[in-house]
């Protein structure tokens, strides 16, 4: 996709393909990537306009997934709150190739967002918790020891735990979201 499809679709020169590859490396090794477009464009040596074009192209190609904030107005149209690899296979493949450190937390969140978005649900980044699904369900994603502190006092709030087999109350095992695909 990086060498043939995206360059053909947006009309970039083959000499600019390494920039796309460096962008993928950056996104795959950041936990999760919170975009700073100005800094990113400066470090990659391209304009902000091309940074937005390349990110959009990679999202349309199914390589990355931008999650927007749950707010409205200007905060919504500026940029995604977080950018994830589209799925955990891409995350592990690219980050593993680079010899990056274990990204268990990012892999959990990537899996969660991929499963929900594949099921056609709307996922956004709220001010409290990790994810807001369908504008009403608040989720906090983590490992077995993940507590309810981040979602305390919120209505329709759930903790999604990895490394747990059975849920109870508002605690849901992460693996169950695999059935949404």
Protein backbone atom coordinates (compact mmCIF):
# COMPACT_ATOMS: atom_id res chain seq x y z
CA UNK A 1 0.00 0.00 0.00
CA UNK A 2 2.75 2.43 0.90
CA UNK A 3 4.74 1.88 -2.29
CA UNK A 4 1.98 1.51 -4.88
CA UNK A 5 -1.60 2.24 -3.79
CA UNK A 6 -1.29 5.45 -1.76
CA UNK A 7 1.20 7.15 -4.13
CA UNK A 8 -1.05 6.32 -7.11
CA UNK A 9 -4.21 7.47 -5.31
CA UNK A 10 -2.90 10.85 -4.18
CA UNK A 11 -0.29 11.43 -6.86
CA UNK A 12 2.89 11.65 -4.81
CA UNK A 13 6.36 10.98 -6.16
CA UNK A 14 8.01 7.66 -5.33
CA UNK A 15 10.75 9.66 -3.60
CA UNK A 16 8.20 10.71 -0.92
CA UNK A 17 7.27 7.13 0.01
CA UNK A 18 9.92 7.00 2.80
CA UNK A 19 7.98 9.82 4.52
CA UNK A 20 4.88 7.59 4.61
CA UNK A 21 6.99 4.77 6.03
CA UNK A 22 8.44 7.03 8.75
CA UNK A 23 4.91 8.19 9.62
CA UNK A 24 3.81 4.56 10.07
CA UNK A 25 6.85 3.91 12.27
CA UNK A 26 6.04 6.95 14.40
CA UNK A 27 2.39 5.94 14.81
CA UNK A 28 3.19 2.30 15.58
CA UNK A 29 5.78 3.07 18.24
CA UNK A 30 3.91 5.83 20.09
CA UNK A 31 1.65 4.73 22.91
CA UNK A 32 -1.02 5.74 21.60
CA UNK A 33 -0.16 8.57 19.28
CA UNK A 34 -1.59 11.95 20.27
CA UNK A 35 -1.08 14.07 17.17
CA UNK A 36 0.86 17.31 17.18
CA UNK A 37 0.66 18.08 13.47
CA UNK A 38 3.11 20.98 13.55
CA UNK A 39 5.81 18.98 15.34
CA UNK A 40 5.16 15.93 13.19
CA UNK A 41 5.45 17.87 9.93
CA UNK A 42 8.63 19.60 11.14
CA UNK A 43 10.27 16.30 12.10
CA UNK A 44 9.27 14.65 8.82
CA UNK A 45 10.37 17.65 6.75
CA UNK A 46 7.01 18.16 5.04
CA UNK A 47 4.30 20.82 5.24
CA UNK A 48 1.32 20.55 7.59
CA UNK A 49 -0.91 20.30 4.53
CA UNK A 50 0.91 17.17 3.33
CA UNK A 51 0.91 15.73 6.84
CA UNK A 52 -2.89 15.94 6.89
CA UNK A 53 -3.11 14.52 3.35
CA UNK A 54 -0.83 11.59 4.18
CA UNK A 55 -2.67 10.80 7.44
CA UNK A 56 -6.02 10.91 5.65
CA UNK A 57 -4.70 8.68 2.87
CA UNK A 58 -3.36 6.11 5.33
CA UNK A 59 -6.68 6.10 7.17
CA UNK A 60 -8.66 5.60 3.96
CA UNK A 61 -6.25 2.79 3.01
CA UNK A 62 -7.00 1.00 6.28
CA UNK A 63 -3.56 1.40 7.86
CA UNK A 64 -4.46 3.77 10.71
CA UNK A 65 -7.54 4.78 12.66
CA UNK A 66 -8.07 8.32 13.95
CA UNK A 67 -10.41 8.68 16.92
CA UNK A 68 -12.02 12.10 17.24
CA UNK A 69 -12.80 13.88 20.52
CA UNK A 70 -16.33 13.62 21.87
CA UNK A 71 -16.68 17.42 21.83
CA UNK A 72 -18.33 19.47 19.11
CA UNK A 73 -17.44 22.61 17.20
CA UNK A 74 -13.85 23.69 16.66
CA UNK A 75 -12.34 20.98 18.88
CA UNK A 76 -13.93 18.34 16.68
CA UNK A 77 -12.69 19.67 13.35
CA UNK A 78 -9.09 20.36 14.31
CA UNK A 79 -7.59 16.88 14.47
CA UNK A 80 -8.11 13.41 15.95
CA UNK A 81 -7.44 13.07 19.68
CA UNK A 82 -5.58 9.81 19.17
CA UNK A 83 -4.33 7.84 16.20
CA UNK A 84 -4.04 4.05 16.39
CA UNK A 85 -2.86 1.48 13.92
CA UNK A 86 -5.94 -0.01 12.25
CA UNK A 87 -5.55 -3.37 13.99
CA UNK A 88 -3.25 -5.21 16.36
CA UNK A 89 -1.62 -7.23 13.57
CA UNK A 90 -0.34 -4.05 11.94
CA UNK A 91 0.70 -2.65 15.32
CA UNK A 92 2.68 -5.74 16.30
CA UNK A 93 4.11 -6.20 12.81
CA UNK A 94 5.48 -2.68 12.44
CA UNK A 95 6.50 -2.14 16.07
CA UNK A 96 8.02 -5.64 16.22
CA UNK A 97 10.04 -4.99 13.06
CA UNK A 98 11.52 -1.95 14.73
CA UNK A 99 12.29 -3.85 17.94
CA UNK A 100 10.04 -1.59 20.00
CA UNK A 101 9.11 -2.21 23.59
CA UNK A 102 6.00 -4.17 24.49
CA UNK A 103 2.92 -2.10 23.86
CA UNK A 104 0.31 -4.09 25.76
CA UNK A 105 -1.76 -1.02 26.65
CA UNK A 106 -1.78 0.28 23.08
CA UNK A 107 -2.59 -3.21 21.76
CA UNK A 108 -5.58 -3.41 24.13
CA UNK A 109 -6.93 -0.05 23.01
CA UNK A 110 -6.25 -0.84 19.34
CA UNK A 111 -8.13 -4.13 19.63
CA UNK A 112 -11.04 -2.47 21.45
CA UNK A 113 -11.44 0.33 18.89
CA UNK A 114 -11.01 -2.00 15.92
CA UNK A 115 -13.69 -4.38 17.14
CA UNK A 116 -16.22 -1.63 17.87
CA UNK A 117 -15.58 0.31 14.66
CA UNK A 118 -15.77 -2.92 12.62
CA UNK A 119 -19.20 -3.51 14.16
CA UNK A 120 -20.28 -0.08 12.90
CA UNK A 121 -20.24 1.71 16.23
CA UNK A 122 -19.14 5.29 16.81
CA UNK A 123 -16.10 5.63 19.07
CA UNK A 124 -14.76 8.93 20.41
CA UNK A 125 -12.32 10.16 23.06
CA UNK A 126 -14.10 11.67 26.10
CA UNK A 127 -12.72 13.99 28.75
CA UNK A 128 -13.18 11.20 31.34
CA UNK A 129 -12.28 7.56 30.66
CA UNK A 130 -10.67 6.06 27.55
CA UNK A 131 -13.53 5.78 25.05
CA UNK A 132 -17.10 6.95 24.57
CA UNK A 133 -19.12 4.54 22.43
CA UNK A 134 -22.28 5.62 20.62
CA UNK A 135 -22.17 8.86 22.58
CA UNK A 136 -23.41 7.23 25.78
CA UNK A 137 -21.28 4.31 27.00
CA UNK A 138 -18.03 5.18 28.75
CA UNK A 139 -15.20 2.60 28.74
CA UNK A 140 -11.90 2.38 30.56
CA UNK A 141 -9.58 -0.23 29.02
CA UNK A 142 -6.71 -1.87 30.88
CA UNK A 143 -5.12 -4.97 32.33
CA UNK A 144 -6.36 -7.27 35.06
CA UNK A 145 -5.67 -4.68 37.78
CA UNK A 146 -7.50 -1.82 35.99
CA UNK A 147 -9.76 -0.11 38.50
CA UNK A 148 -12.79 2.14 38.28
CA UNK A 149 -11.12 5.40 39.40
CA UNK A 150 -11.13 7.03 35.96
CA UNK A 151 -14.86 6.43 35.49
CA UNK A 152 -16.02 6.93 39.06
CA UNK A 153 -19.40 8.66 39.22
CA UNK A 154 -20.12 8.31 35.49
CA UNK A 155 -23.36 6.79 34.24
CA UNK A 156 -23.22 3.83 31.84
CA UNK A 157 -19.51 3.33 32.57
CA UNK A 158 -17.62 0.05 32.17
CA UNK A 159 -14.13 -1.27 32.84
CA UNK A 160 -12.71 -3.51 30.12
CA UNK A 161 -10.02 -5.80 31.53
CA UNK A 162 -7.48 -7.87 29.65
CA UNK A 163 -6.19 -11.11 31.21
CA UNK A 164 -9.49 -11.85 32.92
CA UNK A 165 -11.88 -14.62 31.92
CA UNK A 166 -15.15 -13.69 33.59
CA UNK A 167 -16.71 -10.28 34.09
CA UNK A 168 -18.87 -9.10 36.93
CA UNK A 169 -21.02 -5.98 37.34
CA UNK A 170 -19.59 -3.31 35.09
CA UNK A 171 -16.30 -5.17 34.43
CA UNK A 172 -16.14 -6.81 30.99
CA UNK A 173 -13.33 -9.10 29.76
CA UNK A 174 -11.58 -7.64 26.70
CA UNK A 175 -11.74 -10.90 24.76
CA UNK A 176 -15.55 -10.70 24.59
CA UNK A 177 -15.29 -7.71 22.23
CA UNK A 178 -13.73 -10.10 19.69
CA UNK A 179 -17.21 -11.47 19.08
CA UNK A 180 -18.29 -8.14 17.57
CA UNK A 181 -16.12 -8.65 14.49
